[in-house]
Amino acid sequence: MDSPHSPQVAEPTDPDIDLSVPTQRFEAVRVQGPVAAAVALGGATGASARYAASLVWPTVPGGFPWTTLVVNVVGCAVIGVFMVLVTEVWTAHRLVRPFFGTGVLGGFTTFSTYAVDVQQLVADGRAGTGLLYLGLTLPAALAAVWIAVWSTRRTLAGRRA
């Protein structure tokens, strides 16, 4: 039995890969390296787009963080459209989902900034605004995904008929 202080070793994705064997370790890097690179490149792209949005539409100190809210809602809507397209319409290259879904959209949406925004609003004595923002963002993001999935499927069904 492991003690709470025993180091935990992460299991490789494929249980047949023994990372202590150099050739198998190289094979794991060869297979997963392009995925990691796609996520990193996509993440840099998405984070840059989010940063650009914050420069174009800055939030005034103490103001409601509309840019972060809109970025998160729009990003979630795009995720909804994208997932329908790559799971129900296209046979996408294996790097499309890691690049665009995880990387670009993961870097574009910013739920960590959302949490910091809430904390800052509360610290600035605007707890009501912080709670409103806290309670508004998650349902708005989930609704954006649902509406995007529904409308994409409906649009595609209309084109097939």
Protein backbone atom coordinates (compact mmCIF):
# COMPACT_ATOMS: atom_id res chain seq x y z
CA MET A 1 0.00 0.00 0.00
CA ASP A 2 1.30 3.45 -0.92
CA SER A 3 1.89 5.95 1.83
CA PRO A 4 0.57 9.48 1.30
CA HIS A 5 4.17 10.59 0.83
CA SER A 6 5.06 8.03 -1.87
CA PRO A 7 5.78 9.60 -5.25
CA GLN A 8 3.00 8.95 -7.72
CA VAL A 9 4.02 7.86 -11.18
CA ALA A 10 1.70 8.82 -14.01
CA GLU A 11 0.60 5.94 -16.16
CA PRO A 12 1.39 6.32 -19.86
CA THR A 13 -1.58 6.77 -22.17
CA ASP A 14 -0.98 3.35 -23.70
CA PRO A 15 -0.54 0.63 -21.06
CA ASP A 16 1.61 -1.33 -23.52
CA ILE A 17 4.25 1.42 -23.55
CA ASP A 18 7.05 1.09 -21.02
CA LEU A 19 8.68 4.53 -20.77
CA SER A 20 11.79 3.00 -19.21
CA VAL A 21 12.53 1.41 -22.60
CA PRO A 22 14.26 4.05 -24.78
CA THR A 23 12.72 2.92 -28.07
CA GLN A 24 9.23 2.92 -26.57
CA ARG A 25 9.86 6.32 -24.98
CA PHE A 26 10.90 7.66 -28.41
CA GLU A 27 7.77 6.16 -29.96
CA ALA A 28 5.55 7.88 -27.37
CA VAL A 29 7.23 11.23 -28.11
CA ARG A 30 6.99 10.63 -31.86
CA VAL A 31 3.25 10.00 -31.62
CA GLN A 32 2.36 12.61 -28.98
CA GLY A 33 4.88 15.30 -29.94
CA PRO A 34 2.83 16.63 -32.88
CA VAL A 35 -0.28 16.74 -30.68
CA ALA A 36 1.54 18.76 -28.00
CA ALA A 37 2.94 21.09 -30.67
CA ALA A 38 -0.53 21.58 -32.21
CA VAL A 39 -2.02 22.43 -28.81
CA ALA A 40 0.83 24.85 -28.04
CA LEU A 41 0.59 26.61 -31.41
CA GLY A 42 -3.19 26.80 -31.18
CA GLY A 43 -3.03 28.01 -27.58
CA ALA A 44 -0.63 30.81 -28.52
CA THR A 45 -2.96 31.81 -31.35
CA GLY A 46 -6.09 31.78 -29.18
CA ALA A 47 -4.44 33.61 -26.28
CA SER A 48 -3.15 36.26 -28.70
CA ALA A 49 -6.67 36.76 -30.06
CA ARG A 50 -8.02 37.10 -26.52
CA TYR A 51 -5.30 39.60 -25.65
CA ALA A 52 -6.14 41.58 -28.80
CA ALA A 53 -9.79 41.67 -27.72
CA SER A 54 -8.75 43.05 -24.32
CA LEU A 55 -6.76 45.81 -26.05
CA VAL A 56 -9.58 46.73 -28.42
CA TRP A 57 -12.27 46.60 -25.70
CA PRO A 58 -10.48 47.21 -22.39
CA THR A 59 -12.33 46.89 -19.11
CA VAL A 60 -12.15 50.11 -17.13
CA PRO A 61 -10.92 49.63 -13.55
CA GLY A 62 -13.89 48.67 -11.39
CA GLY A 63 -16.07 48.22 -14.47
CA PHE A 64 -18.01 45.17 -15.54
CA PRO A 65 -15.67 42.80 -17.45
CA TRP A 66 -17.76 42.68 -20.62
CA THR A 67 -14.83 41.69 -22.85
CA THR A 68 -14.04 38.58 -20.81
CA LEU A 69 -17.73 37.64 -20.69
CA VAL A 70 -18.16 38.07 -24.45
CA VAL A 71 -14.90 36.22 -25.24
CA ASN A 72 -16.00 33.26 -23.10
CA VAL A 73 -19.51 33.14 -24.53
CA VAL A 74 -18.34 33.50 -28.15
CA GLY A 75 -15.59 30.94 -27.61
CA CYS A 76 -18.08 28.46 -26.18
CA ALA A 77 -20.43 29.01 -29.12
CA VAL A 78 -17.58 28.34 -31.54
CA ILE A 79 -16.74 25.18 -29.59
CA GLY A 80 -20.34 24.03 -30.10
CA VAL A 81 -20.22 24.61 -33.86
CA PHE A 82 -16.75 23.07 -34.15
CA MET A 83 -17.63 19.90 -32.26
CA VAL A 84 -20.68 19.26 -34.42
CA LEU A 85 -18.63 19.76 -37.57
CA VAL A 86 -15.72 17.52 -36.55
CA THR A 87 -17.82 14.76 -35.00
CA GLU A 88 -20.85 14.67 -37.29
CA VAL A 89 -19.85 16.20 -40.62
CA TRP A 90 -16.13 16.01 -41.37
CA THR A 91 -13.49 13.40 -40.96
CA ALA A 92 -10.87 15.74 -39.55
CA HIS A 93 -7.12 15.23 -39.48
CA ARG A 94 -6.00 13.95 -36.07
CA LEU A 95 -4.39 17.31 -35.22
CA VAL A 96 -7.41 19.51 -35.99
CA ARG A 97 -9.16 18.96 -32.65
CA PRO A 98 -6.01 19.45 -30.54
CA PHE A 99 -5.01 22.54 -32.53
CA PHE A 100 -8.35 24.31 -32.80
CA GLY A 101 -10.53 22.83 -30.03
CA THR A 102 -7.99 22.50 -27.24
CA GLY A 103 -5.41 25.02 -28.42
CA VAL A 104 -7.09 27.97 -30.15
CA LEU A 105 -10.40 27.86 -28.30
CA GLY A 106 -8.80 26.82 -25.01
CA GLY A 107 -6.40 29.76 -25.29
CA PHE A 108 -9.14 32.15 -26.42
CA THR A 109 -11.63 31.38 -23.68
CA THR A 110 -10.43 32.45 -20.28
CA PHE A 111 -12.17 31.12 -17.26
CA SER A 112 -9.11 31.86 -15.14
CA THR A 113 -9.45 35.57 -15.96
CA TYR A 114 -13.15 35.24 -15.16
CA ALA A 115 -12.25 34.00 -11.67
CA VAL A 116 -9.73 36.83 -11.18
CA ASP A 117 -12.31 39.36 -12.40
CA VAL A 118 -14.84 38.12 -9.83
CA GLN A 119 -12.23 38.25 -7.08
CA GLN A 120 -11.20 41.78 -8.09
CA LEU A 121 -14.79 43.04 -8.18
CA VAL A 122 -15.40 41.67 -4.68
CA ALA A 123 -12.10 43.12 -3.40
CA ASP A 124 -13.08 46.51 -4.86
CA GLY A 125 -16.29 46.50 -2.83
CA ARG A 126 -18.48 45.53 -5.78
CA ALA A 127 -19.63 42.16 -4.44
CA GLY A 128 -23.06 42.48 -6.06
CA THR A 129 -21.50 43.02 -9.49
CA GLY A 130 -19.04 40.19 -8.84
CA LEU A 131 -21.87 37.82 -7.90
CA LEU A 132 -23.89 38.89 -10.94
CA TYR A 133 -20.88 38.21 -13.17
CA LEU A 134 -20.20 34.93 -11.38
CA GLY A 135 -23.80 33.80 -11.84
CA LEU A 136 -24.15 35.05 -15.40
CA THR A 137 -21.03 33.65 -17.05
CA LEU A 138 -21.52 29.91 -16.62
CA PRO A 139 -25.18 29.78 -17.77
CA ALA A 140 -24.37 32.12 -20.67
CA ALA A 141 -21.43 29.95 -21.75
CA LEU A 142 -23.44 26.73 -21.48
CA ALA A 143 -26.36 28.30 -23.34
CA ALA A 144 -23.97 29.44 -26.08
CA VAL A 145 -22.69 25.89 -26.56
CA TRP A 146 -26.20 24.42 -26.58
CA ILE A 147 -27.60 27.03 -28.99
CA ALA A 148 -24.59 26.67 -31.30
CA VAL A 149 -24.89 22.86 -31.36
CA TRP A 150 -28.65 23.01 -31.93
CA SER A 151 -28.49 25.67 -34.65
CA THR A 152 -25.56 24.00 -36.43
CA ARG A 153 -27.38 20.66 -36.52
CA ARG A 154 -30.57 22.37 -37.68
CA THR A 155 -28.74 24.28 -40.42
CA LEU A 156 -26.99 21.15 -41.61
CA ALA A 157 -30.25 19.14 -41.57
CA GLY A 158 -31.88 21.83 -43.71
CA ARG A 159 -29.09 21.60 -46.27
CA ARG A 160 -29.36 17.80 -46.45
CA ALA A 161 -33.11 17.80 -47.00
